[in-house]
Every structure is written in structure tokens, then in C-alpha cells.
Protein backbone atom coordinates (compact mmCIF):
# COMPACT_ATOMS: atom_id res chain seq x y z
CA MET A 1 -67.52 -133.11 341.51
CA ARG A 2 -64.86 -135.29 342.98
CA ARG A 3 -61.49 -133.96 343.84
CA ARG A 4 -58.41 -135.89 343.09
CA ARG A 5 -56.55 -137.25 346.03
CA LYS A 6 -52.81 -136.98 346.21
CA THR A 7 -52.53 -140.75 346.56
CA GLN A 8 -54.27 -141.37 343.26
CA ALA A 9 -51.82 -142.09 340.49
CA GLY A 10 -52.29 -141.17 336.88
CA LEU A 11 -50.36 -140.21 333.79
CA THR A 12 -50.14 -136.67 332.64
CA LEU A 13 -50.14 -135.73 329.00
CA VAL A 14 -46.41 -134.99 329.12
CA GLU A 15 -45.65 -138.44 330.53
CA LEU A 16 -47.72 -140.07 327.80
CA ILE A 17 -45.92 -138.12 325.07
CA VAL A 18 -42.51 -139.05 326.47
CA ALA A 19 -43.46 -142.74 326.73
CA PHE A 20 -44.80 -142.85 323.17
CA THR A 21 -41.72 -141.04 321.85
CA ILE A 22 -39.41 -143.55 323.49
CA MET A 23 -41.46 -146.45 322.07
CA MET A 24 -41.37 -144.92 318.57
CA VAL A 25 -37.58 -144.47 318.69
CA LEU A 26 -37.05 -148.05 319.86
CA SER A 27 -39.39 -149.52 317.24
CA GLY A 28 -37.80 -147.34 314.57
CA MET A 29 -34.44 -148.92 315.38
CA ALA A 30 -35.84 -152.46 315.40
CA VAL A 31 -37.42 -152.41 311.92
CA PRO A 32 -34.17 -151.90 309.95
CA LEU A 33 -32.50 -154.59 312.04
CA ALA A 34 -35.30 -157.02 311.22
CA ARG A 35 -35.07 -156.20 307.49
CA TYR A 36 -31.31 -156.71 307.57
CA LYS A 37 -31.73 -160.07 309.27
CA VAL A 38 -34.31 -161.22 306.68
CA ARG A 39 -31.99 -160.19 303.82
CA ARG A 40 -29.05 -162.04 305.40
CA GLU A 41 -31.18 -165.18 305.72
CA ARG A 42 -32.19 -164.96 302.05
CA GLU A 43 -28.55 -164.49 301.04
CA LYS A 44 -27.54 -167.50 303.11
CA GLU A 45 -30.31 -169.60 301.53
CA LEU A 46 -29.34 -168.41 298.03
CA ARG A 47 -25.71 -169.44 298.58
CA TYR A 48 -26.82 -172.85 299.83
CA ASP A 49 -29.23 -173.43 296.92
CA LEU A 50 -26.67 -172.37 294.32
CA ARG A 51 -24.06 -174.65 295.89
CA GLU A 52 -26.54 -177.55 295.88
CA ILE A 53 -27.55 -177.14 292.22
CA ARG A 54 -23.99 -176.52 291.03
CA GLY A 55 -22.80 -179.59 292.95
CA ALA A 56 -25.46 -181.71 291.24
CA ILE A 57 -24.41 -180.36 287.83
CA ASP A 58 -20.78 -181.20 288.61
CA ARG A 59 -21.68 -184.74 289.73
CA TYR A 60 -23.67 -185.24 286.51
CA LYS A 61 -20.69 -184.02 284.49
CA ASP A 62 -18.35 -186.40 286.37
CA TYR A 63 -20.63 -189.37 285.65
CA ALA A 64 -20.89 -188.36 281.97
CA ASP A 65 -17.09 -187.99 281.66
CA GLN A 66 -16.62 -191.43 283.20
CA GLY A 67 -19.03 -192.92 280.64
CA LYS A 68 -21.53 -194.03 283.30
CA LEU A 69 -24.43 -192.29 281.55
CA GLY A 70 -23.81 -193.73 278.08
CA PRO A 71 -22.77 -191.76 275.02
CA VAL A 72 -22.66 -187.98 275.44
CA LYS A 73 -24.75 -185.85 273.07
CA ALA A 74 -22.65 -183.58 270.88
CA ASP A 75 -23.99 -180.18 272.01
CA THR A 76 -24.14 -180.97 275.73
CA ASN A 77 -20.40 -181.49 276.40
CA GLY A 78 -21.44 -183.90 279.16
CA TYR A 79 -23.62 -181.40 281.03
CA PRO A 80 -27.36 -181.97 281.67
CA GLU A 81 -29.76 -180.61 279.07
CA THR A 82 -32.17 -179.30 281.72
CA LEU A 83 -32.37 -179.01 285.51
CA ASP A 84 -35.31 -181.43 285.45
CA MET A 85 -32.93 -184.19 284.32
CA LEU A 86 -31.13 -183.88 287.65
CA VAL A 87 -34.41 -184.48 289.52
CA ASP A 88 -36.05 -187.05 287.23
CA GLY A 89 -32.90 -189.10 287.05
CA VAL A 90 -30.83 -190.60 284.26
CA LYS A 91 -30.42 -194.27 283.41
CA LEU A 92 -26.99 -195.63 284.05
CA ALA A 93 -25.21 -197.16 281.08
CA GLY A 94 -25.49 -200.96 281.03
CA GLN A 95 -28.31 -200.97 283.62
CA VAL A 96 -31.87 -201.88 282.75
CA ASP A 97 -33.84 -200.39 285.63
CA GLN A 98 -31.35 -198.33 287.57
CA LYS A 99 -31.59 -194.54 287.49
CA ILE A 100 -29.45 -192.08 289.34
CA ARG A 101 -30.89 -188.82 290.62
CA PHE A 102 -28.63 -185.89 291.38
CA LEU A 103 -31.22 -183.65 293.12
CA ARG A 104 -34.30 -184.50 295.17
CA ARG A 105 -36.03 -181.36 293.98
CA ILE A 106 -35.15 -178.08 292.38
CA PRO A 107 -34.85 -175.59 295.26
CA LYS A 108 -36.88 -172.37 295.26
CA ASP A 109 -35.00 -169.17 294.69
CA PRO A 110 -35.34 -167.27 298.00
CA PHE A 111 -35.65 -163.91 296.23
CA THR A 112 -38.06 -164.78 293.39
CA LYS A 113 -39.88 -167.54 295.33
CA SER A 114 -39.79 -169.66 292.16
CA THR A 115 -37.96 -172.76 290.93
CA ASP A 116 -37.28 -170.93 287.66
CA TRP A 117 -33.53 -170.28 287.79
CA GLY A 118 -31.48 -168.47 285.21
CA MET A 119 -29.22 -170.89 283.33
CA ARG A 120 -26.06 -170.69 281.24
CA SER A 121 -24.68 -173.21 278.80
CA THR A 122 -21.03 -173.71 277.92
CA GLN A 123 -21.66 -171.95 274.60
CA ASP A 124 -23.20 -168.83 276.22
CA ASP A 125 -21.39 -165.61 277.03
CA PRO A 126 -20.78 -165.59 280.84
CA LYS A 127 -22.58 -162.24 281.23
CA ALA A 128 -25.48 -163.07 278.89
CA PRO A 129 -28.88 -163.03 280.63
CA ALA A 130 -30.38 -165.43 278.05
CA TRP A 131 -29.84 -169.19 277.96
CA GLY A 132 -28.73 -170.78 274.69
CA GLY A 133 -30.49 -174.07 275.51
CA GLN A 134 -27.68 -176.49 274.62
CA ASN A 135 -26.90 -177.60 278.18
CA VAL A 136 -26.92 -176.41 281.79
CA PHE A 137 -23.41 -175.40 282.77
CA ASP A 138 -24.33 -172.93 285.52
CA VAL A 139 -27.34 -171.41 287.30
CA PHE A 140 -28.06 -167.99 288.76
CA THR A 141 -30.92 -166.13 290.38
CA LYS A 142 -33.18 -164.02 288.18
CA THR A 143 -33.65 -161.27 290.77
CA THR A 144 -32.45 -157.78 289.91
CA GLU A 145 -31.65 -156.95 293.55
CA LYS A 146 -28.13 -156.21 294.71
CA ALA A 147 -26.22 -157.35 297.77
CA GLY A 148 -24.97 -154.98 300.44
CA ASP A 149 -21.63 -154.60 298.66
CA GLY A 150 -23.36 -153.57 295.40
CA THR A 151 -22.86 -156.80 293.43
CA PRO A 152 -25.98 -158.16 291.76
CA TYR A 153 -27.20 -161.44 293.20
CA SER A 154 -27.31 -162.80 289.64
CA GLU A 155 -23.48 -162.73 289.60
CA TRP A 156 -23.09 -164.95 292.66
């Protein structure tokens, strides 16, 4: 049997327990921080996507009010009938081949990971979760999650 020399180094059980405890405490603090950062990034992306879609709807409405898109359908009030119209493009009045597109693509909702956004028309109740189908006046996320301050993301 070999005897241990005093110059040989090794870890005792107590040292191992202390080291693992410190590592667990540090990793336990890092996980909530990482989750918070991911949520903040999703919120930032949601704000950007909503701003982009709403800006495209407003530009469409401006063109319709100026008569650049031809006669306005009665139920639409100058708003697009669907979000796909903003991507596919609309023919300009008096132009044979020229289309104007208001969005390159419909952005994905960062919370639902889908391009299926909740929509409201001008005839809908502002708090109604269902879309009437007449036009697209506004968009919102379909997630049921809430922000840090308690407001639902669908009200942003």
C-alpha cells in the first residue's frame, strides 16, 4: 500500500462540495438573467414588427385616400382587405403594369413563431379578439402572455 506524500495535492470531499455549491449558486443566478434577456429581445422584436406592419397599413391608407389605388371599396374605408395585399402589391390607378408593395414579407410573431397575426377592422370593437373581415385597420399578437408590467402583449 502506498502512503500519500505531503507534496501530493488532491481535493477532499469538503472542497468538492464547496466548489459544486458555488457553481450551483452562480448558475442559478445566470438562468433567470438569460430568460429575462430572451424575453426582452422578443419584446423588442414584437415592437419592431408591429411598427413595420402598422406603418405599411398607414401607407396603404394614405395611397387610397389620395386616389392612387383607384376607387375604394365601400366596406374597406381605404384600408387593405388582407395583410397579403400589402405583400403581393396593388396596381396603381392609371398604370398598366406598375404595382406597389407595402411590405416585403409578413414578419413572424416572435412569441407565436407564426405569420398569423390577430387583426382588427374599423368596424370591430377595439377589445374584440375576433376579426370582422371587412378590412385590416390594426394588428396584434395572438399570444396570451403578459409583459413584465402585467399588460397583455395583445394590447401593444
